[in-house]
PDB file of N, CA and C in Angstrom:
ATOM      1  N   MET A   1      20.630  21.374-216.079  1.00  0.00           N
ATOM      2  CA  MET A   1      20.936  22.722-215.482  1.00  0.00           C
ATOM      3  C   MET A   1      21.429  23.596-216.615  1.00  0.00           C
ATOM      4  N   PRO A   2      20.866  24.831-216.822  1.00  0.00           N
ATOM      5  CA  PRO A   2      21.321  25.706-217.763  1.00  0.00           C
ATOM      6  C   PRO A   2      22.792  26.154-217.434  1.00  0.00           C
ATOM      7  N   ARG A   3      23.550  26.592-218.381  1.00  0.00           N
ATOM      8  CA  ARG A   3      24.876  27.094-218.076  1.00  0.00           C
ATOM      9  C   ARG A   3      24.821  28.449-217.327  1.00  0.00           C
ATOM     10  N   LYS A   4      25.780  28.592-216.388  1.00  0.00           N
ATOM     11  CA  LYS A   4      25.858  29.730-215.564  1.00  0.00           C
ATOM     12  C   LYS A   4      26.200  30.956-216.357  1.00  0.00           C
ATOM     13  N   ILE A   5      25.503  32.012-216.060  1.00  0.00           N
ATOM     14  CA  ILE A   5      25.857  33.272-216.740  1.00  0.00           C
ATOM     15  C   ILE A   5      26.962  34.063-215.915  1.00  0.00           C
ATOM     16  N   SER A   6      28.011  34.394-216.547  1.00  0.00           N
ATOM     17  CA  SER A   6      29.146  35.027-215.697  1.00  0.00           C
ATOM     18  C   SER A   6      28.636  36.368-215.287  1.00  0.00           C
ATOM     19  N   THR A   7      29.336  36.856-214.240  1.00  0.00           N
ATOM     20  CA  THR A   7      28.992  38.130-213.644  1.00  0.00           C
ATOM     21  C   THR A   7      29.165  39.234-214.728  1.00  0.00           C
ATOM     22  N   ASP A   8      30.283  39.128-215.464  1.00  0.00           N
ATOM     23  CA  ASP A   8      30.529  40.146-216.492  1.00  0.00           C
ATOM     24  C   ASP A   8      29.415  40.261-217.567  1.00  0.00           C
ATOM     25  N   ALA A   9      29.011  39.047-218.027  1.00  0.00           N
ATOM     26  CA  ALA A   9      27.921  38.984-219.043  1.00  0.00           C
ATOM     27  C   ALA A   9      26.613  39.414-218.456  1.00  0.00           C
ATOM     28  N   GLY A  10      26.380  39.102-217.174  1.00  0.00           N
ATOM     29  CA  GLY A  10      25.130  39.563-216.595  1.00  0.00           C
ATOM     30  C   GLY A  10      25.080  41.059-216.453  1.00  0.00           C
ATOM     31  N   ARG A  11      26.118  41.599-215.890  1.00  0.00           N
ATOM     32  CA  ARG A  11      26.217  43.156-215.730  1.00  0.00           C
ATOM     33  C   ARG A  11      26.173  43.829-217.011  1.00  0.00           C
ATOM     34  N   ALA A  12      26.783  43.259-218.172  1.00  0.00           N
ATOM     35  CA  ALA A  12      26.803  43.880-219.345  1.00  0.00           C
ATOM     36  C   ALA A  12      25.334  43.928-219.871  1.00  0.00           C
ATOM     37  N   ALA A  13      24.651  42.818-219.714  1.00  0.00           N
ATOM     38  CA  ALA A  13      23.230  42.824-220.166  1.00  0.00           C
ATOM     39  C   ALA A  13      22.392  43.760-219.430  1.00  0.00           C
ATOM     40  N   LEU A  14      22.610  43.862-218.124  1.00  0.00           N
ATOM     41  CA  LEU A  14      21.840  44.887-217.331  1.00  0.00           C
ATOM     42  C   LEU A  14      22.152  46.339-217.751  1.00  0.00           C
ATOM     43  N   ALA A  15      23.455  46.535-218.070  1.00  0.00           N
ATOM     44  CA  ALA A  15      23.858  47.903-218.502  1.00  0.00           C
ATOM     45  C   ALA A  15      23.242  48.180-219.875  1.00  0.00           C
ATOM     46  N   ALA A  16      23.199  47.181-220.762  1.00  0.00           N
ATOM     47  CA  ALA A  16      22.555  47.358-222.077  1.00  0.00           C
ATOM     48  C   ALA A  16      21.068  47.730-221.898  1.00  0.00           C
ATOM     49  N   LEU A  17      20.445  47.023-221.011  1.00  0.00           N
ATOM     50  CA  LEU A  17      19.008  47.226-220.735  1.00  0.00           C
ATOM     51  C   LEU A  17      18.803  48.616-220.200  1.00  0.00           C
ATOM     52  N   ALA A  18      19.578  49.149-219.307  1.00  0.00           N
ATOM     53  CA  ALA A  18      19.518  50.468-218.804  1.00  0.00           C
ATOM     54  C   ALA A  18      19.659  51.539-219.732  1.00  0.00           C
ATOM     55  N   ALA A  19      20.553  51.244-220.751  1.00  0.00           N
ATOM     56  CA  ALA A  19      20.966  52.290-221.756  1.00  0.00           C
ATOM     57  C   ALA A  19      20.147  52.318-222.995  1.00  0.00           C
ATOM     58  N   ALA A  20      19.444  51.345-223.354  1.00  0.00           N
ATOM     59  CA  ALA A  20      18.771  51.217-224.613  1.00  0.00           C
ATOM     60  C   ALA A  20      17.258  51.630-224.487  1.00  0.00           C
ATOM     61  N   GLN A  21      16.796  52.321-225.418  1.00  0.00           N
ATOM     62  CA  GLN A  21      15.386  52.656-225.548  1.00  0.00           C
ATOM     63  C   GLN A  21      14.512  51.355-225.746  1.00  0.00           C
ATOM     64  N   SER A  22      15.018  50.564-226.599  1.00  0.00           N
ATOM     65  CA  SER A  22      14.418  49.312-226.956  1.00  0.00           C
ATOM     66  C   SER A  22      15.506  48.199-226.954  1.00  0.00           C
ATOM     67  N   PRO A  23      15.900  47.676-225.856  1.00  0.00           N
ATOM     68  CA  PRO A  23      16.972  46.631-225.776  1.00  0.00           C
ATOM     69  C   PRO A  23      16.647  45.485-226.612  1.00  0.00           C
ATOM     70  N   SER A  24      17.735  44.754-226.983  1.00  0.00           N
ATOM     71  CA  SER A  24      17.546  43.577-227.812  1.00  0.00           C
ATOM     72  C   SER A  24      17.004  42.413-226.919  1.00  0.00           C
ATOM     73  N   ARG A  25      16.307  41.506-227.490  1.00  0.00           N
ATOM     74  CA  ARG A  25      15.732  40.350-226.917  1.00  0.00           C
ATOM     75  C   ARG A  25      16.866  39.459-226.122  1.00  0.00           C
ATOM     76  N   THR A  26      17.998  39.471-226.760  1.00  0.00           N
ATOM     77  CA  THR A  26      19.219  38.675-226.184  1.00  0.00           C
ATOM     78  C   THR A  26      19.608  39.420-224.869  1.00  0.00           C
ATOM     79  N   ASP A  27      19.692  40.753-224.803  1.00  0.00           N
ATOM     80  CA  ASP A  27      20.119  41.515-223.660  1.00  0.00           C
ATOM     81  C   ASP A  27      19.015  41.245-222.551  1.00  0.00           C
ATOM     82  N   ARG A  28      17.730  41.403-222.962  1.00  0.00           N
ATOM     83  CA  ARG A  28      16.716  41.210-221.944  1.00  0.00           C
ATOM     84  C   ARG A  28      16.759  39.824-221.313  1.00  0.00           C
ATOM     85  N   ALA A  29      16.815  38.763-222.261  1.00  0.00           N
ATOM     86  CA  ALA A  29      16.851  37.372-221.812  1.00  0.00           C
ATOM     87  C   ALA A  29      18.090  37.157-220.910  1.00  0.00           C
ATOM     88  N   THR A  30      19.289  37.550-221.217  1.00  0.00           N
ATOM     89  CA  THR A  30      20.437  37.374-220.426  1.00  0.00           C
ATOM     90  C   THR A  30      20.299  38.032-219.088  1.00  0.00           C
ATOM     91  N   ALA A  31      19.843  39.351-219.090  1.00  0.00           N
ATOM     92  CA  ALA A  31      19.619  40.050-217.802  1.00  0.00           C
ATOM     93  C   ALA A  31      18.609  39.346-216.875  1.00  0.00           C
ATOM     94  N   VAL A  32      17.473  38.831-217.423  1.00  0.00           N
ATOM     95  CA  VAL A  32      16.512  38.202-216.633  1.00  0.00           C
ATOM     96  C   VAL A  32      17.056  36.897-216.040  1.00  0.00           C
ATOM     97  N   ARG A  33      17.733  36.082-216.892  1.00  0.00           N
ATOM     98  CA  ARG A  33      18.353  34.824-216.541  1.00  0.00           C
ATOM     99  C   ARG A  33      19.409  35.052-215.408  1.00  0.00           C
ATOM    100  N   TYR A  34      20.128  36.082-215.651  1.00  0.00           N
ATOM    101  CA  TYR A  34      21.288  36.393-214.627  1.00  0.00           C
ATOM    102  C   TYR A  34      20.596  36.679-213.296  1.00  0.00           C
ATOM    103  N   LEU A  35      19.589  37.557-213.254  1.00  0.00           N
ATOM    104  CA  LEU A  35      18.980  37.916-212.011  1.00  0.00           C
ATOM    105  C   LEU A  35      18.238  36.756-211.448  1.00  0.00           C
ATOM    106  N   LEU A  36      17.646  35.862-212.173  1.00  0.00           N
ATOM    107  CA  LEU A  36      17.081  34.676-211.607  1.00  0.00           C
ATOM    108  C   LEU A  36      18.214  33.854-210.956  1.00  0.00           C
ATOM    109  N   GLN A  37      19.283  33.721-211.631  1.00  0.00           N
ATOM    110  CA  GLN A  37      20.404  32.924-211.081  1.00  0.00           C
ATOM    111  C   GLN A  37      20.966  33.541-209.762  1.00  0.00           C
ATOM    112  N   LEU A  38      20.967  34.845-209.689  1.00  0.00           N
ATOM    113  CA  LEU A  38      21.363  35.495-208.442  1.00  0.00           C
ATOM    114  C   LEU A  38      20.467  35.126-207.376  1.00  0.00           C
ATOM    115  N   LEU A  39      19.068  35.200-207.626  1.00  0.00           N
ATOM    116  CA  LEU A  39      18.020  34.856-206.631  1.00  0.00           C
ATOM    117  C   LEU A  39      18.257  33.407-206.186  1.00  0.00           C
ATOM    118  N   ALA A  40      18.437  32.536-207.063  1.00  0.00           N
ATOM    119  CA  ALA A  40      18.677  31.119-206.773  1.00  0.00           C
ATOM    120  C   ALA A  40      19.958  30.846-205.898  1.00  0.00           C
ATOM    121  N   GLU A  41      20.888  31.705-206.138  1.00  0.00           N
ATOM    122  CA  GLU A  41      22.113  31.587-205.344  1.00  0.00           C
ATOM    123  C   GLU A  41      21.869  32.186-203.942  1.00  0.00           C
ATOM    124  N   LYS A  42      21.135  33.307-203.864  1.00  0.00           N
ATOM    125  CA  LYS A  42      20.802  33.892-202.575  1.00  0.00           C
ATOM    126  C   LYS A  42      19.855  33.107-201.655  1.00  0.00           C
ATOM    127  N   ALA A  43      18.923  32.451-202.279  1.00  0.00           N
ATOM    128  CA  ALA A  43      17.929  31.691-201.471  1.00  0.00           C
ATOM    129  C   ALA A  43      17.642  30.352-202.162  1.00  0.00           C
ATOM    130  N   PRO A  44      18.697  29.459-202.024  1.00  0.00           N
ATOM    131  CA  PRO A  44      18.573  28.126-202.642  1.00  0.00           C
ATOM    132  C   PRO A  44      17.445  27.291-201.976  1.00  0.00           C
ATOM    133  N   GLY A  45      16.862  26.491-202.844  1.00  0.00           N
ATOM    134  CA  GLY A  45      15.770  25.666-202.322  1.00  0.00           C
ATOM    135  C   GLY A  45      14.759  25.306-203.428  1.00  0.00           C
ATOM    136  N   ASN A  46      13.674  24.606-203.032  1.00  0.00           N
ATOM    137  CA  ASN A  46      12.730  24.205-204.061  1.00  0.00           C
ATOM    138  C   ASN A  46      11.286  24.468-203.664  1.00  0.00           C
ATOM    139  N   SER A  47      11.027  25.338-202.845  1.00  0.00           N
ATOM    140  CA  SER A  47       9.596  25.486-202.300  1.00  0.00           C
ATOM    141  C   SER A  47       8.850  26.599-202.971  1.00  0.00           C
ATOM    142  N   VAL A  48       9.502  27.397-203.799  1.00  0.00           N
ATOM    143  CA  VAL A  48       8.815  28.571-204.463  1.00  0.00           C
ATOM    144  C   VAL A  48       9.340  28.576-205.977  1.00  0.00           C
ATOM    145  N   GLU A  49       8.472  28.529-206.917  1.00  0.00           N
ATOM    146  CA  GLU A  49       8.936  28.718-208.333  1.00  0.00           C
ATOM    147  C   GLU A  49       8.730  30.160-208.814  1.00  0.00           C
ATOM    148  N   VAL A  50       9.749  30.746-209.306  1.00  0.00           N
ATOM    149  CA  VAL A  50       9.780  32.108-209.812  1.00  0.00           C
ATOM    150  C   VAL A  50       9.850  31.976-211.359  1.00  0.00           C
ATOM    151  N   ARG A  51       8.816  32.462-211.988  1.00  0.00           N
ATOM    152  CA  ARG A  51       8.713  32.432-213.478  1.00  0.00           C
ATOM    153  C   ARG A  51       8.737  33.749-214.087  1.00  0.00           C
ATOM    154  N   VAL A  52       9.526  33.967-215.153  1.00  0.00           N
ATOM    155  CA  VAL A  52       9.597  35.136-215.855  1.00  0.00           C
ATOM    156  C   VAL A  52       9.535  34.706-217.389  1.00  0.00           C
ATOM    157  N   PRO A  53       8.248  34.422-217.854  1.00  0.00           N
ATOM    158  CA  PRO A  53       8.156  33.931-219.188  1.00  0.00           C
ATOM    159  C   PRO A  53       8.466  34.987-220.287  1.00  0.00           C
ATOM    160  N   PRO A  54       9.007  34.641-221.359  1.00  0.00           N
ATOM    161  CA  PRO A  54       9.394  33.381-221.834  1.00  0.00           C
ATOM    162  C   PRO A  54      10.826  33.041-221.487  1.00  0.00           C
ATOM    163  N   PHE A  55      11.525  33.802-220.625  1.00  0.00           N
ATOM    164  CA  PHE A  55      12.904  33.699-220.448  1.00  0.00           C
ATOM    165  C   PHE A  55      13.459  32.699-219.397  1.00  0.00           C
ATOM    166  N   GLY A  56      12.773  32.390-218.377  1.00  0.00           N
ATOM    167  CA  GLY A  56      13.297  31.477-217.430  1.00  0.00           C
ATOM    168  C   GLY A  56      12.371  31.302-216.190  1.00  0.00           C
ATOM    169  N   ALA A  57      12.813  30.308-215.434  1.00  0.00           N
ATOM    170  CA  ALA A  57      12.147  30.008-214.073  1.00  0.00           C
ATOM    171  C   ALA A  57      13.243  29.395-213.267  1.00  0.00           C
ATOM    172  N   VAL A  58      13.086  29.611-211.973  1.00  0.00           N
ATOM    173  CA  VAL A  58      13.954  28.954-210.892  1.00  0.00           C
ATOM    174  C   VAL A  58      13.091  28.551-209.784  1.00  0.00           C
ATOM    175  N   GLN A  59      13.537  27.620-209.089  1.00  0.00           N
ATOM    176  CA  GLN A  59      12.953  27.179-207.707  1.00  0.00           C
ATOM    177  C   GLN A  59      13.906  27.723-206.666  1.00  0.00           C
ATOM    178  N   VAL A  60      13.279  28.361-205.617  1.00  0.00           N
ATOM    179  CA  VAL A  60      14.078  29.045-204.574  1.00  0.00           C
ATOM    180  C   VAL A  60      13.485  28.746-203.250  1.00  0.00           C
ATOM    181  N   LEU A  61      14.107  29.106-202.128  1.00  0.00           N
ATOM    182  CA  LEU A  61      13.691  28.986-200.806  1.00  0.00           C
ATOM    183  C   LEU A  61      13.620  27.512-200.354  1.00  0.00           C
ATOM    184  N   GLU A  62      14.251  27.278-199.188  1.00  0.00           N
ATOM    185  CA  GLU A  62      14.171  25.946-198.560  1.00  0.00           C
ATOM    186  C   GLU A  62      12.789  25.694-198.056  1.00  0.00           C
ATOM    187  N   GLY A  63      12.450  24.507-198.027  1.00  0.00           N
ATOM    188  CA  GLY A  63      11.134  24.072-197.600  1.00  0.00           C
ATOM    189  C   GLY A  63      10.646  22.827-198.324  1.00  0.00           C
ATOM    190  N   PRO A  64       9.439  22.535-198.358  1.00  0.00           N
ATOM    191  CA  PRO A  64       8.932  21.292-199.025  1.00  0.00           C
ATOM    192  C   PRO A  64       9.298  21.420-200.552  1.00  0.00           C
ATOM    193  N   ARG A  65       9.843  20.286-200.930  1.00  0.00           N
ATOM    194  CA  ARG A  65      10.319  20.166-202.337  1.00  0.00           C
ATOM    195  C   ARG A  65       8.994  19.862-203.225  1.00  0.00           C
ATOM    196  N   HIS A  66       9.087  20.609-204.377  1.00  0.00           N
ATOM    197  CA  HIS A  66       8.026  20.411-205.299  1.00  0.00           C
ATOM    198  C   HIS A  66       8.550  19.677-206.574  1.00  0.00           C
ATOM    199  N   THR A  67       7.971  18.613-207.105  1.00  0.00           N
ATOM    200  CA  THR A  67       8.438  17.868-208.185  1.00  0.00           C
ATOM    201  C   THR A  67       7.603  17.787-209.306  1.00  0.00           C
ATOM    202  N   ARG A  68       6.220  17.696-209.145  1.00  0.00           N
ATOM    203  CA  ARG A  68       5.335  17.413-210.253  1.00  0.00           C
ATOM    204  C   ARG A  68       4.097  18.443-210.234  1.00  0.00           C
ATOM    205  N   GLY A  69       3.527  18.626-211.451  1.00  0.00           N
ATOM    206  CA  GLY A  69       2.389  19.493-211.579  1.00  0.00           C
ATOM    207  C   GLY A  69       2.652  21.011-211.201  1.00  0.00           C
ATOM    208  N   THR A  70       1.598  21.682-210.858  1.00  0.00           N
ATOM    209  CA  THR A  70       1.728  23.041-210.561  1.00  0.00           C
ATOM    210  C   THR A  70       2.204  23.196-209.048  1.00  0.00           C
ATOM    211  N   PRO A  71       3.335  23.895-208.854  1.00  0.00           N
ATOM    212  CA  PRO A  71       3.779  24.102-207.461  1.00  0.00           C
ATOM    213  C   PRO A  71       2.785  24.859-206.679  1.00  0.00           C
ATOM    214  N   PRO A  72       2.832  24.673-205.266  1.00  0.00           N
ATOM    215  CA  PRO A  72       1.856  25.436-204.469  1.00  0.00           C
ATOM    216  C   PRO A  72       2.252  26.842-204.269  1.00  0.00           C
ATOM    217  N   ASN A  73       3.506  27.152-204.490  1.00  0.00           N
ATOM    218  CA  ASN A  73       3.951  28.594-204.268  1.00  0.00           C
ATOM    219  C   ASN A  73       4.657  29.047-205.588  1.00  0.00           C
ATOM    220  N   VAL A  74       4.025  29.979-206.262  1.00  0.00           N
ATOM    221  CA  VAL A  74       4.468  30.413-207.629  1.00  0.00           C
ATOM    222  C   VAL A  74       4.512  31.967-207.615  1.00  0.00           C
ATOM    223  N   VAL A  75       5.547  32.452-208.143  1.00  0.00           N
ATOM    224  CA  VAL A  75       5.630  33.913-208.467  1.00  0.00           C
ATOM    225  C   VAL A  75       5.804  33.986-209.947  1.00  0.00           C
ATOM    226  N   GLU A  76       5.001  34.848-210.613  1.00  0.00           N
ATOM    227  CA  GLU A  76       5.193  35.063-212.080  1.00  0.00           C
ATOM    228  C   GLU A  76       5.074  36.531-212.408  1.00  0.00           C
ATOM    229  N   THR A  77       5.982  37.000-213.230  1.00  0.00           N
ATOM    230  CA  THR A  77       5.981  38.402-213.618  1.00  0.00           C
ATOM    231  C   THR A  77       6.681  38.536-214.997  1.00  0.00           C
ATOM    232  N   ASP A  78       6.493  39.682-215.611  1.00  0.00           N
ATOM    233  CA  ASP A  78       7.099  39.910-216.983  1.00  0.00           C
ATOM    234  C   ASP A  78       8.570  40.309-216.763  1.00  0.00           C
ATOM    235  N   ALA A  79       9.198  40.371-217.847  1.00  0.00           N
ATOM    236  CA  ALA A  79      10.711  40.507-217.751  1.00  0.00           C
ATOM    237  C   ALA A  79      11.062  42.012-217.235  1.00  0.00           C
ATOM    238  N   ASP A  80      10.331  42.977-217.693  1.00  0.00           N
ATOM    239  CA  ASP A  80      10.679  44.308-217.216  1.00  0.00           C
ATOM    240  C   ASP A  80      10.399  44.489-215.712  1.00  0.00           C
ATOM    241  N   THR A  81       9.337  43.930-215.330  1.00  0.00           N
ATOM    242  CA  THR A  81       8.934  44.091-213.835  1.00  0.00           C
ATOM    243  C   THR A  81      10.027  43.279-212.996  1.00  0.00           C
ATOM    244  N   TRP A  82      10.347  42.018-213.497  1.00  0.00           N
ATOM    245  CA  TRP A  82      11.415  41.323-212.745  1.00  0.00           C
ATOM    246  C   TRP A  82      12.659  42.087-212.647  1.00  0.00           C
ATOM    247  N   VAL A  83      13.125  42.628-213.654  1.00  0.00           N
ATOM    248  CA  VAL A  83      14.391  43.353-213.717  1.00  0.00           C
ATOM    249  C   VAL A  83      14.263  44.649-212.694  1.00  0.00           C
ATOM    250  N   ALA A  84      13.151  45.271-212.815  1.00  0.00           N
ATOM    251  CA  ALA A  84      13.002  46.416-211.849  1.00  0.00           C
ATOM    252  C   ALA A  84      12.939  46.011-210.420  1.00  0.00           C
ATOM    253  N   LEU A  85      12.318  44.921-210.153  1.00  0.00           N
ATOM    254  CA  LEU A  85      12.286  44.405-208.788  1.00  0.00           C
ATOM    255  C   LEU A  85      13.621  43.928-208.255  1.00  0.00           C
ATOM    256  N   ALA A  86      14.321  43.224-209.139  1.00  0.00           N
ATOM    257  CA  ALA A  86      15.592  42.610-208.727  1.00  0.00           C
ATOM    258  C   ALA A  86      16.662  43.665-208.609  1.00  0.00           C
ATOM    259  N   THR A  87      16.599  44.720-209.246  1.00  0.00           N
ATOM    260  CA  THR A  87      17.635  45.836-209.247  1.00  0.00           C
ATOM    261  C   THR A  87      17.226  46.915-208.240  1.00  0.00           C
ATOM    262  N   GLY A  88      16.064  46.882-207.723  1.00  0.00           N
ATOM    263  CA  GLY A  88      15.648  47.887-206.768  1.00  0.00           C
ATOM    264  C   GLY A  88      14.948  49.118-207.335  1.00  0.00           C
ATOM    265  N   ALA A  89      14.786  49.103-208.670  1.00  0.00           N
ATOM    266  CA  ALA A  89      14.148  50.203-209.329  1.00  0.00           C
ATOM    267  C   ALA A  89      12.567  50.337-208.960  1.00  0.00           C
ATOM    268  N   GLU A  90      12.044  49.145-208.487  1.00  0.00           N
ATOM    269  CA  GLU A  90      10.648  49.107-208.086  1.00  0.00           C
ATOM    270  C   GLU A  90      10.518  48.245-206.880  1.00  0.00           C
ATOM    271  N   LYS A  91       9.570  48.655-206.019  1.00  0.00           N
ATOM    272  CA  LYS A  91       9.276  47.774-204.778  1.00  0.00           C
ATOM    273  C   LYS A  91       8.325  46.723-205.052  1.00  0.00           C
ATOM    274  N   TRP A  92       8.414  45.608-204.299  1.00  0.00           N
ATOM    275  CA  TRP A  92       7.447  44.571-204.452  1.00  0.00           C
ATOM    276  C   TRP A  92       6.019  44.853-204.245  1.00  0.00           C
ATOM    277  N   ALA A  93       5.779  45.654-203.167  1.00  0.00           N
ATOM    278  CA  ALA A  93       4.416  46.020-202.873  1.00  0.00           C
ATOM    279  C   ALA A  93       3.805  46.895-203.975  1.00  0.00           C
ATOM    280  N   ASP A  94       4.606  47.751-204.637  1.00  0.00           N
ATOM    281  CA  ASP A  94       4.042  48.557-205.720  1.00  0.00           C
ATOM    282  C   ASP A  94       3.706  47.731-206.964  1.00  0.00           C
ATOM    283  N   ALA A  95       4.566  46.851-207.329  1.00  0.00           N
ATOM    284  CA  ALA A  95       4.438  46.009-208.452  1.00  0.00           C
ATOM    285  C   ALA A  95       3.183  45.035-208.262  1.00  0.00           C
ATOM    286  N   ALA A  96       3.063  44.545-207.043  1.00  0.00           N
ATOM    287  CA  ALA A  96       1.996  43.685-206.655  1.00  0.00           C
ATOM    288  C   ALA A  96       0.628  44.428-206.691  1.00  0.00           C
ATOM    289  N   ALA A  97       0.628  45.676-206.150  1.00  0.00           N
ATOM    290  CA  ALA A  97      -0.532  46.453-206.102  1.00  0.00           C
ATOM    291  C   ALA A  97      -1.002  46.811-207.515  1.00  0.00           C
ATOM    292  N   ALA A  98      -0.043  47.014-208.445  1.00  0.00           N
ATOM    293  CA  ALA A  98      -0.440  47.328-209.783  1.00  0.00           C
ATOM    294  C   ALA A  98      -0.761  46.123-210.647  1.00  0.00           C
ATOM    295  N   GLY A  99      -0.705  44.896-210.050  1.00  0.00           N
ATOM    296  CA  GLY A  99      -1.062  43.705-210.739  1.00  0.00           C
ATOM    297  C   GLY A  99       0.001  43.149-211.626  1.00  0.00           C
ATOM    298  N   ARG A 100       1.238  43.608-211.519  1.00  0.00           N
ATOM    299  CA  ARG A 100       2.385  43.135-212.369  1.00  0.00           C
ATOM    300  C   ARG A 100       2.995  41.843-211.775  1.00  0.00           C
ATOM    301  N   ILE A 101       2.663  41.412-210.565  1.00  0.00           N
ATOM    302  CA  ILE A 101       3.138  40.302-210.004  1.00  0.00           C
ATOM    303  C   ILE A 101       1.974  39.340-209.686  1.00  0.00           C
ATOM    304  N   HIS A 102       2.082  38.085-210.171  1.00  0.00           N
ATOM    305  CA  HIS A 102       1.030  37.081-209.826  1.00  0.00           C
ATOM    306  C   HIS A 102       1.681  36.040-208.920  1.00  0.00           C
ATOM    307  N   ALA A 103       1.274  36.132-207.603  1.00  0.00           N
ATOM    308  CA  ALA A 103       1.884  35.317-206.609  1.00  0.00           C
ATOM    309  C   ALA A 103       0.832  34.494-205.910  1.00  0.00           C
ATOM    310  N   SER A 104       1.186  33.226-205.737  1.00  0.00           N
ATOM    311  CA  SER A 104       0.147  32.357-205.029  1.00  0.00           C
ATOM    312  C   SER A 104       0.889  31.477-204.107  1.00  0.00           C
ATOM    313  N   GLY A 105       0.346  31.082-202.995  1.00  0.00           N
ATOM    314  CA  GLY A 105       0.939  30.332-201.978  1.00  0.00           C
ATOM    315  C   GLY A 105       1.448  31.106-200.831  1.00  0.00           C
ATOM    316  N   THR A 106       1.644  30.515-199.704  1.00  0.00           N
ATOM    317  CA  THR A 106       1.990  31.159-198.429  1.00  0.00           C
ATOM    318  C   THR A 106       3.434  31.645-198.392  1.00  0.00           C
ATOM    319  N   ARG A 107       4.209  31.146-199.353  1.00  0.00           N
ATOM    320  CA  ARG A 107       5.605  31.496-199.366  1.00  0.00           C
ATOM    321  C   ARG A 107       6.009  32.329-200.541  1.00  0.00           C
ATOM    322  N   ALA A 108       5.036  32.924-201.274  1.00  0.00           N
ATOM    323  CA  ALA A 108       5.287  33.576-202.572  1.00  0.00           C
ATOM    324  C   ALA A 108       5.636  35.064-202.417  1.00  0.00           C
ATOM    325  N   ASP A 109       5.867  35.605-201.280  1.00  0.00           N
ATOM    326  CA  ASP A 109       6.255  36.935-201.186  1.00  0.00           C
ATOM    327  C   ASP A 109       7.796  37.031-201.064  1.00  0.00           C
ATOM    328  N   LEU A 110       8.415  37.517-202.047  1.00  0.00           N
ATOM    329  CA  LEU A 110       9.846  37.648-202.198  1.00  0.00           C
ATOM    330  C   LEU A 110      10.399  38.959-201.817  1.00  0.00           C
ATOM    331  N   SER A 111       9.606  39.851-201.161  1.00  0.00           N
ATOM    332  CA  SER A 111      10.009  41.195-200.882  1.00  0.00           C
ATOM    333  C   SER A 111      11.372  41.181-199.963  1.00  0.00           C
ATOM    334  N   ALA A 112      11.381  40.278-199.087  1.00  0.00           N
ATOM    335  CA  ALA A 112      12.551  40.146-198.202  1.00  0.00           C
ATOM    336  C   ALA A 112      13.872  39.860-198.941  1.00  0.00           C
ATOM    337  N   LEU A 113      13.827  39.329-200.054  1.00  0.00           N
ATOM    338  CA  LEU A 113      15.021  38.919-200.831  1.00  0.00           C
ATOM    339  C   LEU A 113      15.457  39.954-201.904  1.00  0.00           C
ATOM    340  N   LEU A 114      14.593  40.928-202.119  1.00  0.00           N
ATOM    341  CA  LEU A 114      14.789  41.953-203.189  1.00  0.00           C
ATOM    342  C   LEU A 114      15.144  43.261-202.654  1.00  0.00           C
ATOM    343  N   PRO A 115      15.865  44.093-203.242  1.00  0.00           N
ATOM    344  CA  PRO A 115      16.677  43.813-204.473  1.00  0.00           C
ATOM    345  C   PRO A 115      17.903  42.848-204.272  1.00  0.00           C
ATOM    346  N   LEU A 116      18.379  42.385-205.455  1.00  0.00           N
ATOM    347  CA  LEU A 116      19.444  41.472-205.406  1.00  0.00           C
ATOM    348  C   LEU A 116      20.911  42.137-205.237  1.00  0.00           C
ATOM    349  N   ARG A 117      21.006  43.280-205.692  1.00  0.00           N
ATOM    350  CA  ARG A 117      22.339  43.938-205.746  1.00  0.00           C
ATOM    351  C   ARG A 117      23.278  43.245-206.690  1.00  0.00           C
ATOM    352  N   PRO A 118      23.058  43.178-207.874  1.00  0.00           N
ATOM    353  CA  PRO A 118      23.937  42.506-208.857  1.00  0.00           C
ATOM    354  C   PRO A 118      25.322  43.072-208.970  1.00  0.00           C
TER     355      PRO A 118
END
């Protein structure tokens, strides 16, 4: 299990992302991982894998546990889209319609869980 990102460190990374024209890779990575951590805390489980390459992935939502191979329920998006979704700057439906979310499986719609309100 990766080490937990503190609330202060997560919020600082999000603030740096919001303030910078071209934020550092470290700030982007910390913000993405912090928001994934918040999602996992809000919706614990193992039935949906949320991927934000290259920064991280978590399994969320209770239901059938997935342990090997490609999970049946997967959500994948880029870092900027994930931050926008998780903070409420963008709606799930808009990002999905624009093709910035790749979701497969019957449980892969996370719109009811977002934004996270960090």
